[in-house]
Amino acid sequence: MIKNLNTFDLKNKRVLIRVDFNVPLDRGRVTDDFRIRAALPTIDHCLNQGAGVVLMSHLGRPKGKIDKNLSLISVGESLADLLEMPIKFSDDCVSEDARDTSLGISNGEVHLLENLRFHEEETSNNLHFSMLLSKHGDVFINDAFGTAHRAHASNVGIVNHFKQKGIGFLMEKEYRFLKESFDRHKHPVTLILGGAKIDTKLSMIHRFLNKADTILIGGGMAFTFLKAKGKEVGNSLVDDEMINSAHNVIQSAKQCNVNIVLPLDFICAKKIDGKPEGVFSNRDIPLNMMGLDIGPKTISNFKQHIDQSNTILWNGPMGVFENEDFATGSKEIAAKLAEVTEKGATTIVGGGDTAAAIRKFRFQNDVSHVSTGGGASLELLSGEFLPAFKALELS
């Protein structure tokens, strides 16, 4: 049985918390503190209970090498502002100096460790690295839902080195909402997928074929599916290595009576940072142009499917939403989700770019749940038992 935060006596303890501070940066400045704010209830609880807090997280994919552009020091500055208190920072997560700092913190203090992924041992779940990380605390709390689907040292290997271990408020909230709400989901179920990453999304589609009634596919990944159906997509983003896999998904969906709906039209430009050149059907995208947002016919079609649904999961924006010229599709989907939520539908927004998009359009409080985890939320909803939870359950 996994213990939650309220079961521990934390007074005079050092609590090592795995948080997910994998946030977007722009020239050393945090541009979206959603994930930092999501961790505050757990951090505040530990401090209020008389504990010293040590925080560890990854940022980006430095692949085991030090990358100053992916340092957590700017994240620490944002955290200090949110906590309204100074915090300690170590420029290495397993150095002797870092361990000494953790051992020396007083109750009510916070110590942030440098990016875990500056060490390749983090992602390989190295046993020795896990042991070194464990030296930072007396109690281990995992509150990093965004990485719960990864079997890494900081959320799996480390567990064996603690007698007192459990999950924080964010992990508990995500698990209860996503797992329990989808276990009791009401049909019709619609899955909306977008974004550019197709390799991870394909496996998710396969897992959802026994749950979903309709799968709406937009964003960059739609072009690989269109290519698999024999359509020319101009200069749009296509993952050639995944075309056969996309074709197999289409065939599997037919066998399972799941309706896969692809875009009918796109807003196109000659380059990703260019200006819109017009709206083109999925059969007529010029060779020198790329689709960067779903078009008006697609938006209308997608909305009709959403209107007919009782449970909707959205993971992945419909276009390059960071650019106002290509944000309409994502904004319209967000608005429609808010509308059907008010009518009683259950609407779940997966993390990452999708969460950033719905917050940009100010609909984050108008849907049932906005998750901090992208891949983790999809895997949990599709019935997978996430490694971070499994490690705590079996220990």
Protein backbone atom coordinates (compact mmCIF):
# COMPACT_ATOMS: atom_id res chain seq x y z
CA MET A 1 0.00 0.00 0.00
CA ILE A 2 1.33 3.42 -0.97
CA LYS A 3 1.41 5.90 1.90
CA ASN A 4 0.36 9.50 1.45
CA LEU A 5 2.01 12.54 2.97
CA ASN A 6 -0.38 12.85 5.89
CA THR A 7 0.72 9.50 7.36
CA PHE A 8 4.23 10.70 8.29
CA ASP A 9 5.53 12.51 11.37
CA LEU A 10 7.86 14.97 9.71
CA LYS A 11 9.01 17.05 12.67
CA ASN A 12 12.80 17.36 12.76
CA LYS A 13 13.12 15.19 9.65
CA ARG A 14 14.85 15.85 6.35
CA VAL A 15 12.30 15.18 3.63
CA LEU A 16 13.71 14.39 0.19
CA ILE A 17 11.07 15.22 -2.42
CA ARG A 18 11.24 14.25 -6.08
CA VAL A 19 9.47 17.15 -7.80
CA ASP A 20 8.89 17.88 -11.46
CA PHE A 21 10.45 21.24 -12.18
CA ASN A 22 10.86 20.50 -15.89
CA VAL A 23 9.60 23.93 -16.88
CA PRO A 24 10.17 26.07 -20.00
CA LEU A 25 13.01 28.60 -19.86
CA ASP A 26 13.80 31.60 -22.02
CA ARG A 27 17.32 32.97 -21.61
CA GLY A 28 17.53 31.72 -18.05
CA ARG A 29 14.05 32.84 -17.04
CA VAL A 30 11.13 30.57 -16.17
CA THR A 31 8.31 31.37 -18.60
CA ASP A 32 5.67 29.03 -17.12
CA ASP A 33 5.73 28.14 -13.41
CA PHE A 34 2.69 25.81 -13.51
CA ARG A 35 4.65 22.76 -12.36
CA ILE A 36 6.48 24.70 -9.65
CA ARG A 37 3.21 25.98 -8.24
CA ALA A 38 1.75 22.46 -8.39
CA ALA A 39 4.45 21.25 -5.98
CA LEU A 40 3.92 24.02 -3.42
CA PRO A 41 1.21 22.28 -1.31
CA THR A 42 3.53 19.35 -0.59
CA ILE A 43 6.53 21.59 0.11
CA ASP A 44 4.52 23.92 2.35
CA HIS A 45 3.06 20.98 4.30
CA CYS A 46 6.53 19.58 5.05
CA LEU A 47 7.83 22.98 6.14
CA ASN A 48 4.78 23.61 8.32
CA GLN A 49 5.26 20.22 9.98
CA GLY A 50 8.73 21.21 11.11
CA ALA A 51 10.84 19.48 8.47
CA GLY A 52 13.80 20.51 6.37
CA VAL A 53 13.13 19.98 2.67
CA VAL A 54 15.51 18.77 -0.04
CA LEU A 55 14.20 18.96 -3.61
CA MET A 56 15.46 17.09 -6.67
CA SER A 57 14.31 17.35 -10.28
CA HIS A 58 15.39 17.04 -13.87
CA LEU A 59 15.17 19.74 -16.53
CA GLY A 60 15.23 18.97 -20.23
CA ARG A 61 17.37 16.27 -21.78
CA PRO A 62 21.06 17.06 -21.23
CA LYS A 63 21.89 13.36 -21.80
CA GLY A 64 24.25 12.98 -18.87
CA LYS A 65 26.29 16.11 -19.57
CA ILE A 66 26.40 19.45 -17.80
CA ASP A 67 24.50 22.07 -19.79
CA LYS A 68 24.37 25.51 -18.17
CA ASN A 69 21.28 26.32 -20.21
CA LEU A 70 19.47 23.53 -18.35
CA SER A 71 20.59 24.45 -14.84
CA LEU A 72 17.91 24.54 -12.14
CA ILE A 73 19.34 27.68 -10.60
CA SER A 74 16.77 29.93 -12.32
CA VAL A 75 14.03 27.51 -11.25
CA GLY A 76 15.31 27.92 -7.70
CA GLU A 77 14.97 31.69 -8.01
CA SER A 78 11.34 31.32 -9.08
CA LEU A 79 10.69 28.87 -6.25
CA ALA A 80 12.22 31.25 -3.71
CA ASP A 81 9.91 34.01 -4.95
CA LEU A 82 6.85 31.75 -4.66
CA LEU A 83 7.84 30.56 -1.17
CA GLU A 84 8.80 34.12 -0.19
CA MET A 85 12.00 32.84 1.43
CA PRO A 86 15.62 32.21 0.45
CA ILE A 87 16.60 28.65 -0.48
CA LYS A 88 19.91 26.82 -0.67
CA PHE A 89 21.20 25.52 -4.01
CA SER A 90 23.87 22.95 -4.83
CA ASP A 91 25.47 22.81 -8.27
CA ASP A 92 25.63 19.00 -8.21
CA CYS A 93 23.03 16.57 -6.94
CA VAL A 94 25.36 13.90 -5.50
CA SER A 95 28.55 15.75 -4.59
CA GLU A 96 29.92 15.64 -1.06
CA ASP A 97 29.22 19.37 -0.69
CA ALA A 98 25.58 18.81 -1.71
CA ARG A 99 25.16 15.99 0.81
CA ASP A 100 26.77 18.11 3.54
CA THR A 101 24.36 20.96 2.76
CA SER A 102 21.40 18.60 3.07
CA LEU A 103 22.70 17.20 6.35
CA GLY A 104 23.12 20.73 7.67
CA ILE A 105 19.75 22.24 6.79
CA SER A 106 17.54 23.34 9.63
CA ASN A 107 13.82 22.76 10.03
CA GLY A 108 11.94 25.14 7.76
CA GLU A 109 14.76 25.42 5.21
CA VAL A 110 14.75 24.32 1.57
CA HIS A 111 17.67 22.89 -0.40
CA LEU A 112 17.40 22.47 -4.20
CA LEU A 113 19.75 20.07 -5.98
CA GLU A 114 21.10 20.63 -9.49
CA ASN A 115 19.62 18.87 -12.53
CA LEU A 116 19.52 15.11 -11.97
CA ARG A 117 20.03 14.41 -15.66
CA PHE A 118 23.47 15.99 -15.66
CA HIS A 119 24.33 12.42 -14.61
CA GLU A 120 23.52 9.64 -17.09
CA GLU A 121 23.07 7.34 -14.08
CA GLU A 122 19.73 9.02 -13.39
CA THR A 123 18.00 7.76 -16.54
CA SER A 124 19.72 4.34 -16.37
CA ASN A 125 18.37 3.86 -12.82
CA ASN A 126 21.89 3.20 -11.54
CA LEU A 127 21.96 1.53 -8.11
CA HIS A 128 24.97 3.45 -6.76
CA PHE A 129 23.56 6.78 -7.95
CA SER A 130 20.23 5.92 -6.28
CA MET A 131 22.07 5.25 -3.02
CA LEU A 132 23.92 8.58 -3.21
CA LEU A 133 20.67 10.47 -3.77
CA SER A 134 19.10 8.75 -0.76
CA LYS A 135 21.73 10.30 1.53
CA HIS A 136 19.91 13.64 1.26
CA GLY A 137 16.90 12.68 3.37
CA ASP A 138 15.29 10.63 6.14
CA VAL A 139 11.90 10.44 4.39
CA PHE A 140 11.35 10.08 0.64
CA ILE A 141 8.30 11.63 -1.02
CA ASN A 142 7.61 11.34 -4.73
CA ASP A 143 5.53 14.24 -6.03
CA ALA A 144 6.74 14.23 -9.65
CA PHE A 145 3.78 12.91 -11.60
CA GLY A 146 5.24 14.15 -14.87
CA THR A 147 8.01 11.54 -14.64
CA ALA A 148 6.03 8.76 -12.95
CA HIS A 149 6.12 6.74 -16.19
CA ARG A 150 9.94 6.69 -16.21
CA ALA A 151 11.93 4.04 -14.32
CA HIS A 152 14.69 6.40 -13.24
CA ALA A 153 16.94 6.45 -10.19
CA SER A 154 15.19 9.36 -8.48
CA ASN A 155 11.76 7.74 -8.50
CA VAL A 156 12.42 3.99 -8.68
CA GLY A 157 15.94 2.98 -7.62
CA ILE A 158 15.95 5.32 -4.65
CA VAL A 159 12.87 3.75 -3.07
CA ASN A 160 14.76 0.73 -1.73
CA HIS A 161 16.94 2.95 0.46
CA PHE A 162 14.08 4.33 2.58
CA LYS A 163 11.87 2.84 5.26
CA GLN A 164 9.66 5.92 5.27
CA LYS A 165 8.44 6.70 1.76
CA GLY A 166 5.27 7.74 -0.02
CA ILE A 167 3.62 10.20 -2.40
CA GLY A 168 2.91 13.90 -2.13
CA PHE A 169 -0.37 15.72 -2.56
CA LEU A 170 0.10 16.27 -6.31
CA MET A 171 0.80 12.60 -7.08
CA GLU A 172 -2.17 11.60 -4.93
CA LYS A 173 -4.48 14.08 -6.67
CA GLU A 174 -3.37 13.09 -10.17
CA TYR A 175 -3.72 9.36 -9.48
CA ARG A 176 -7.14 9.65 -7.88
CA PHE A 177 -8.60 11.87 -10.56
CA LEU A 178 -7.13 10.22 -13.62
CA LYS A 179 -7.39 6.60 -12.55
CA GLU A 180 -10.71 6.72 -10.73
CA SER A 181 -12.51 9.05 -13.12
CA PHE A 182 -11.50 7.04 -16.17
CA ASP A 183 -12.29 3.73 -14.49
CA ARG A 184 -15.85 5.05 -14.28
CA HIS A 185 -15.85 6.82 -17.63
CA LYS A 186 -19.04 7.37 -19.57
CA HIS A 187 -19.29 6.70 -23.29
CA PRO A 188 -18.92 8.11 -25.85
CA VAL A 189 -15.21 8.56 -25.09
CA THR A 190 -13.21 10.87 -27.35
CA LEU A 191 -9.43 11.10 -27.40
CA ILE A 192 -7.95 14.26 -28.96
CA LEU A 193 -4.30 13.94 -29.94
CA GLY A 194 -1.97 16.55 -31.36
CA GLY A 195 1.55 17.85 -31.11
CA ALA A 196 4.56 16.70 -33.08
CA LYS A 197 5.56 13.55 -31.18
CA ILE A 198 4.04 10.55 -32.90
CA ASP A 199 6.15 7.64 -31.65
CA THR A 200 4.85 7.76 -28.07
CA LYS A 201 1.32 8.66 -29.18
CA LEU A 202 1.00 5.60 -31.42
CA SER A 203 1.46 3.21 -28.52
CA MET A 204 -1.11 5.22 -26.57
CA ILE A 205 -3.61 4.91 -29.40
CA HIS A 206 -3.20 1.14 -29.40
CA ARG A 207 -3.91 1.06 -25.67
CA PHE A 208 -6.99 3.24 -26.07
CA LEU A 209 -8.57 1.19 -28.82
CA ASN A 210 -10.56 -0.73 -26.19
CA LYS A 211 -11.66 2.46 -24.41
CA ALA A 212 -12.23 5.21 -26.96
CA ASP A 213 -15.09 5.55 -29.41
CA THR A 214 -13.49 8.34 -31.43
CA ILE A 215 -9.90 9.56 -31.83
CA LEU A 216 -9.40 13.05 -33.27
CA ILE A 217 -5.88 13.62 -34.58
CA GLY A 218 -4.49 17.09 -35.25
CA GLY A 219 -1.16 18.84 -34.89
CA GLY A 220 2.00 17.78 -36.66
CA MET A 221 1.36 14.08 -36.10
CA ALA A 222 -1.71 14.23 -38.37
CA PHE A 223 0.49 14.46 -41.47
CA THR A 224 2.09 11.07 -40.87
CA PHE A 225 -1.39 9.55 -40.73
CA LEU A 226 -2.45 11.41 -43.89
CA LYS A 227 0.70 10.20 -45.61
CA ALA A 228 -0.15 6.66 -44.51
CA LYS A 229 -3.50 7.09 -46.29
CA GLY A 230 -1.73 8.07 -49.49
CA LYS A 231 -2.26 11.84 -49.35
CA GLU A 232 0.37 14.40 -50.33
CA VAL A 233 1.04 16.82 -47.49
CA GLY A 234 3.43 19.29 -49.10
CA ASN A 235 6.36 20.25 -46.90
CA SER A 236 4.49 19.43 -43.68
CA LEU A 237 6.04 17.53 -40.78
CA VAL A 238 6.11 13.78 -41.49
CA ASP A 239 7.87 11.03 -39.55
CA ASP A 240 8.71 8.69 -42.44
CA GLU A 241 9.81 5.91 -40.10
CA MET A 242 6.35 5.85 -38.52
CA ILE A 243 4.21 5.74 -41.67
CA ASN A 244 3.78 1.96 -41.58
CA SER A 245 2.94 2.13 -37.87
CA ALA A 246 0.34 4.81 -38.55
CA HIS A 247 -1.18 2.61 -41.26
CA ASN A 248 -1.35 -0.29 -38.80
CA VAL A 249 -3.11 1.91 -36.26
CA ILE A 250 -5.71 2.91 -38.83
CA GLN A 251 -6.38 -0.75 -39.65
CA SER A 252 -6.53 -1.76 -35.96
CA ALA A 253 -8.98 1.04 -35.24
CA LYS A 254 -11.30 -0.23 -37.98
CA GLN A 255 -11.24 -3.71 -36.46
CA CYS A 256 -12.09 -2.26 -33.04
CA ASN A 257 -14.84 0.00 -34.43
CA VAL A 258 -12.98 3.09 -33.29
CA ASN A 259 -13.46 6.13 -35.51
CA ILE A 260 -10.18 7.87 -36.33
CA VAL A 261 -10.87 11.40 -37.58
CA LEU A 262 -8.15 13.31 -39.43
CA PRO A 263 -8.11 17.00 -40.38
CA LEU A 264 -9.98 18.11 -43.49
CA ASP A 265 -8.03 21.33 -43.96
CA PHE A 266 -5.07 23.30 -42.67
CA ILE A 267 -3.76 26.83 -42.32
CA CYS A 268 -0.47 26.74 -44.21
CA ALA A 269 2.72 28.76 -44.50
CA LYS A 270 6.05 28.34 -46.29
CA LYS A 271 7.97 28.08 -43.03
CA ILE A 272 7.20 27.54 -39.37
CA ASP A 273 7.91 31.16 -38.44
CA GLY A 274 6.26 32.56 -41.56
CA LYS A 275 2.92 34.21 -42.15
CA PRO A 276 -0.21 32.23 -43.13
CA GLU A 277 -0.54 31.79 -46.90
CA GLY A 278 -4.10 30.48 -46.83
CA VAL A 279 -6.34 27.53 -45.99
CA PHE A 280 -5.84 24.35 -47.99
CA SER A 281 -7.64 21.00 -47.96
CA ASN A 282 -5.78 17.87 -46.91
CA ARG A 283 -5.55 16.97 -50.63
CA ASP A 284 -4.22 20.29 -51.92
CA ILE A 285 -1.34 21.42 -49.69
CA PRO A 286 1.24 23.03 -52.04
CA LEU A 287 4.62 21.32 -52.20
CA ASN A 288 6.41 24.38 -50.81
CA MET A 289 4.05 24.83 -47.84
CA MET A 290 3.44 23.19 -44.50
CA GLY A 291 0.31 22.86 -42.38
CA LEU A 292 0.75 24.72 -39.09
CA ASP A 293 -2.80 24.69 -37.69
CA ILE A 294 -6.06 22.88 -38.36
CA GLY A 295 -8.46 24.77 -40.62
CA PRO A 296 -12.06 25.96 -40.11
CA LYS A 297 -13.72 22.82 -41.55
CA THR A 298 -11.64 20.62 -39.24
CA ILE A 299 -12.45 22.78 -36.23
CA SER A 300 -16.17 22.50 -36.98
CA ASN A 301 -15.92 18.73 -37.48
CA PHE A 302 -13.90 18.18 -34.29
CA LYS A 303 -16.39 20.29 -32.32
CA GLN A 304 -19.29 18.12 -33.48
CA HIS A 305 -17.54 14.99 -32.20
CA ILE A 306 -16.76 16.68 -28.87
CA ASP A 307 -20.39 17.75 -28.53
CA GLN A 308 -21.46 14.11 -28.76
CA SER A 309 -18.99 12.91 -26.10
CA ASN A 310 -19.31 12.39 -22.35
CA THR A 311 -15.63 11.82 -21.62
CA ILE A 312 -12.87 13.70 -23.47
CA LEU A 313 -9.10 13.51 -23.07
CA TRP A 314 -6.94 16.07 -24.89
CA ASN A 315 -3.19 15.61 -25.28
CA GLY A 316 -1.26 17.68 -27.78
CA PRO A 317 -2.01 21.09 -29.35
CA MET A 318 -3.66 21.38 -32.77
CA GLY A 319 -1.00 23.66 -34.21
CA VAL A 320 1.91 25.95 -33.43
CA PHE A 321 -0.16 27.66 -30.74
CA GLU A 322 2.76 29.79 -29.49
CA ASN A 323 2.29 31.84 -32.67
CA GLU A 324 -1.03 33.71 -32.69
CA ASP A 325 -1.38 33.10 -36.42
CA PHE A 326 -1.56 29.35 -35.80
CA ALA A 327 -3.29 29.26 -32.40
CA THR A 328 -6.93 29.27 -33.51
CA GLY A 329 -7.36 25.49 -33.64
CA SER A 330 -6.06 24.90 -30.13
CA LYS A 331 -7.99 27.87 -28.76
CA GLU A 332 -11.28 26.69 -30.30
CA ILE A 333 -10.80 23.15 -28.94
CA ALA A 334 -10.07 24.56 -25.48
CA ALA A 335 -13.20 26.71 -25.62
CA LYS A 336 -15.32 23.76 -26.73
CA LEU A 337 -14.00 21.62 -23.86
CA ALA A 338 -14.96 24.36 -21.42
CA GLU A 339 -18.44 24.47 -22.95
CA VAL A 340 -19.10 20.71 -22.71
CA THR A 341 -17.64 20.59 -19.19
CA GLU A 342 -20.29 23.05 -18.08
CA LYS A 343 -22.89 20.72 -19.58
CA GLY A 344 -21.62 17.78 -17.51
CA ALA A 345 -18.91 16.10 -19.58
CA THR A 346 -15.64 14.95 -17.98
CA THR A 347 -12.74 16.74 -19.67
CA ILE A 348 -9.10 15.95 -18.98
CA VAL A 349 -6.19 17.90 -20.42
CA GLY A 350 -2.82 16.13 -20.55
CA GLY A 351 0.26 17.99 -19.42
CA GLY A 352 3.15 19.63 -21.25
CA ASP A 353 2.29 21.81 -24.23
CA THR A 354 -1.43 21.08 -23.92
CA ALA A 355 -1.55 22.40 -20.38
CA ALA A 356 0.45 25.44 -21.49
CA ALA A 357 -2.00 26.04 -24.34
CA ILE A 358 -5.15 25.85 -22.22
CA ARG A 359 -3.60 28.18 -19.65
CA LYS A 360 -2.61 30.61 -22.40
CA PHE A 361 -6.23 30.78 -23.51
CA ARG A 362 -7.41 31.04 -19.86
CA PHE A 363 -9.64 27.96 -19.86
CA GLN A 364 -7.62 26.00 -17.26
CA ASN A 365 -10.28 26.47 -14.60
CA ASP A 366 -13.13 25.55 -16.94
CA VAL A 367 -12.24 21.88 -17.58
CA SER A 368 -12.44 18.94 -15.18
CA HIS A 369 -8.71 18.45 -14.73
CA VAL A 370 -5.41 19.78 -16.11
CA SER A 371 -2.64 17.25 -15.50
CA THR A 372 1.01 18.11 -14.87
CA GLY A 373 2.02 14.98 -16.78
CA GLY A 374 1.75 14.38 -20.51
CA GLY A 375 3.03 10.87 -21.15
CA ALA A 376 2.34 9.85 -17.56
CA SER A 377 -1.31 10.86 -17.76
CA LEU A 378 -1.83 8.99 -21.02
CA GLU A 379 -0.19 5.82 -19.74
CA LEU A 380 -2.17 5.88 -16.49
CA LEU A 381 -5.44 6.50 -18.33
CA SER A 382 -4.73 3.68 -20.75
CA GLY A 383 -4.39 1.18 -17.93
CA GLU A 384 -0.63 1.08 -17.44
CA PHE A 385 0.78 0.81 -13.91
CA LEU A 386 3.41 3.55 -13.73
CA PRO A 387 6.93 2.59 -12.51
CA ALA A 388 7.03 5.28 -9.80
CA PHE A 389 3.83 3.99 -8.21
CA LYS A 390 4.84 0.37 -8.73
CA ALA A 391 8.15 0.92 -6.92
CA LEU A 392 6.37 2.35 -3.87
CA GLU A 393 3.66 -0.31 -3.97
CA LEU A 394 6.12 -3.21 -4.01
CA SER A 395 8.65 -1.83 -1.51
